[in-house]
C-alpha atoms as a PDB file:
ATOM      1  CA  MET A   1      -1.199 -16.855 -11.680  1.00  0.00           C
ATOM      2  CA  ASN A   2      -1.286 -13.113 -11.427  1.00  0.00           C
ATOM      3  CA  PHE A   3       1.051 -11.444  -8.824  1.00  0.00           C
ATOM      4  CA  ASP A   4       0.326  -7.470  -7.933  1.00  0.00           C
ATOM      5  CA  LEU A   5       3.087  -5.491  -6.878  1.00  0.00           C
ATOM      6  CA  LEU A   6       2.192  -1.784  -5.258  1.00  0.00           C
ATOM      7  CA  ALA A   7       5.536   0.330  -4.242  1.00  0.00           C
ATOM      8  CA  THR A   8       4.884   4.069  -3.517  1.00  0.00           C
ATOM      9  CA  SER A   9       6.948   7.064  -1.836  1.00  0.00           C
ATOM     10  CA  SER A  10       5.910   8.504   1.322  1.00  0.00           C
ATOM     11  CA  TYR A  11       3.049  11.079   1.103  1.00  0.00           C
ATOM     12  CA  LEU A  12       1.779  13.760   3.115  1.00  0.00           C
ATOM     13  CA  GLY A  13      -1.769  13.033   4.276  1.00  0.00           C
ATOM     14  CA  ASN A  14      -4.086  15.681   6.883  1.00  0.00           C
ATOM     15  CA  LEU A  15      -5.153  14.449  10.485  1.00  0.00           C
ATOM     16  CA  PHE A  16      -7.906  16.618  11.666  1.00  0.00           C
ATOM     17  CA  GLN A  17      -8.082  17.247  15.091  1.00  0.00           C
ATOM     18  CA  SER A  18     -11.803  15.929  16.703  1.00  0.00           C
ATOM     19  CA  SER A  19     -11.689  18.412  19.900  1.00  0.00           C
ATOM     20  CA  PHE A  20     -12.284  21.769  19.772  1.00  0.00           C
ATOM     21  CA  PRO A  21     -10.863  23.916  18.326  1.00  0.00           C
ATOM     22  CA  PHE A  22     -11.034  22.155  15.367  1.00  0.00           C
ATOM     23  CA  GLY A  23      -7.303  21.848  13.847  1.00  0.00           C
ATOM     24  CA  SER A  24      -5.467  19.647  11.152  1.00  0.00           C
ATOM     25  CA  TYR A  25      -1.808  18.457  11.362  1.00  0.00           C
ATOM     26  CA  VAL A  26       0.241  17.561   8.301  1.00  0.00           C
ATOM     27  CA  TYR A  27       1.905  14.022   8.792  1.00  0.00           C
ATOM     28  CA  ARG A  28       4.206  11.814   6.553  1.00  0.00           C
ATOM     29  CA  PHE A  29       3.035   8.490   5.885  1.00  0.00           C
ATOM     30  CA  LYS A  30       5.259   5.627   4.858  1.00  0.00           C
ATOM     31  CA  GLY A  31       4.936   4.827   1.012  1.00  0.00           C
ATOM     32  CA  ASN A  32       2.958   1.623   0.465  1.00  0.00           C
ATOM     33  CA  ARG A  33       4.146  -1.394  -0.434  1.00  0.00           C
ATOM     34  CA  GLY A  34       2.369  -4.679  -0.745  1.00  0.00           C
ATOM     35  CA  GLY A  35       1.698  -7.397  -2.905  1.00  0.00           C
ATOM     36  CA  ASP A  36      -1.297  -9.823  -4.127  1.00  0.00           C
ATOM     37  CA  LEU A  37      -0.961 -13.575  -5.315  1.00  0.00           C
ATOM     38  CA  THR A  38      -3.948 -14.904  -7.104  1.00  0.00           C
ATOM     39  CA  VAL A  39      -4.169 -18.610  -8.363  1.00  0.00           C
ATOM     40  CA  GLY A  40      -6.917 -19.988 -10.317  1.00  0.00           C
ATOM     41  CA  TYR A  41      -7.440 -23.402 -12.230  1.00  0.00           C
ATOM     42  CA  LYS A  42     -10.403 -24.291 -14.430  1.00  0.00           C
ATOM     43  CA  ILE A  43     -11.243 -27.640 -14.521  1.00  0.00           C
ATOM     44  CA  PRO A  44     -13.699 -29.162 -17.762  1.00  0.00           C
ATOM     45  CA  ILE A  45     -16.334 -31.596 -16.947  1.00  0.00           C
ATOM     46  CA  GLU A  46     -18.207 -33.537 -19.044  1.00  0.00           C
ATOM     47  CA  ASN A  47     -16.057 -31.913 -22.396  1.00  0.00           C
ATOM     48  CA  GLY A  48     -16.318 -28.620 -21.704  1.00  0.00           C
ATOM     49  CA  ARG A  49     -19.840 -28.454 -21.082  1.00  0.00           C
ATOM     50  CA  PHE A  50     -19.295 -27.417 -17.526  1.00  0.00           C
ATOM     51  CA  ASN A  51     -16.568 -25.992 -15.820  1.00  0.00           C
ATOM     52  CA  LEU A  52     -15.488 -25.358 -12.384  1.00  0.00           C
ATOM     53  CA  ARG A  53     -12.844 -22.800 -11.707  1.00  0.00           C
ATOM     54  CA  ILE A  54     -11.420 -22.695  -8.302  1.00  0.00           C
ATOM     55  CA  PHE A  55      -9.147 -19.830  -7.230  1.00  0.00           C
ATOM     56  CA  GLY A  56      -7.343 -18.552  -3.807  1.00  0.00           C
ATOM     57  CA  THR A  57      -5.765 -14.903  -3.316  1.00  0.00           C
ATOM     58  CA  ILE A  58      -3.254 -13.623  -0.643  1.00  0.00           C
ATOM     59  CA  GLU A  59      -3.291  -9.722  -0.303  1.00  0.00           C
ATOM     60  CA  ASN A  60      -0.478  -8.156   1.540  1.00  0.00           C
ATOM     61  CA  LEU A  61       1.536 -11.033   0.965  1.00  0.00           C
ATOM     62  CA  PHE A  62       4.595  -9.600   2.741  1.00  0.00           C
ATOM     63  CA  ASP A  63       2.359  -8.400   5.820  1.00  0.00           C
ATOM     64  CA  TYR A  64       4.205  -4.990   5.165  1.00  0.00           C
ATOM     65  CA  GLU A  65       2.186  -2.705   7.460  1.00  0.00           C
ATOM     66  CA  TYR A  66       0.948   0.516   5.722  1.00  0.00           C
ATOM     67  CA  PHE A  67      -1.774   3.129   5.759  1.00  0.00           C
ATOM     68  CA  GLU A  68      -4.232   4.285   3.338  1.00  0.00           C
ATOM     69  CA  ASN A  69      -5.886   8.162   3.709  1.00  0.00           C
ATOM     70  CA  GLY A  70      -4.649   8.113   7.352  1.00  0.00           C
ATOM     71  CA  PHE A  71      -5.982   4.460   8.191  1.00  0.00           C
ATOM     72  CA  ARG A  72      -4.269   1.429   8.566  1.00  0.00           C
ATOM     73  CA  THR A  73      -4.476  -1.583   6.491  1.00  0.00           C
ATOM     74  CA  ALA A  74      -5.471  -4.989   6.949  1.00  0.00           C
ATOM     75  CA  GLY A  75      -2.514  -7.466   7.484  1.00  0.00           C
ATOM     76  CA  ARG A  76      -1.928 -10.570   5.466  1.00  0.00           C
ATOM     77  CA  ASN A  77      -5.338 -12.341   4.309  1.00  0.00           C
ATOM     78  CA  ALA A  78      -6.366 -14.529   2.288  1.00  0.00           C
ATOM     79  CA  ARG A  79      -9.503 -16.118   0.550  1.00  0.00           C
ATOM     80  CA  ILE A  80     -10.620 -19.097  -1.592  1.00  0.00           C
ATOM     81  CA  GLY A  81     -13.086 -19.760  -3.926  1.00  0.00           C
ATOM     82  CA  ALA A  82     -14.984 -21.975  -6.554  1.00  0.00           C
ATOM     83  CA  ASN A  83     -17.447 -21.244  -9.552  1.00  0.00           C
ATOM     84  CA  PHE A  84     -19.452 -23.347 -11.499  1.00  0.00           C
ATOM     85  CA  SER A  85     -20.505 -22.695 -14.997  1.00  0.00           C
ATOM     86  CA  PHE A  86     -22.638 -24.008 -17.338  1.00  0.00           C
END
């Protein structure tokens, strides 16, 4: 099991105007806050000759809206998977 926490202060970012005359604006973004939770479990098969690993991750666990380089990030999302090794 693993938990990653990201917490930053607010920051300034440039936003560029796409129409003529091309200019830029400085905008203060809220600080990033987020937590990612990952859980995994390995199941030995045939006395450890083979292994099946099952895992799952939830990103942005607290569903906090924040921006990276001026772009809004995804809300809470999850993925699961399995890995077979021999």
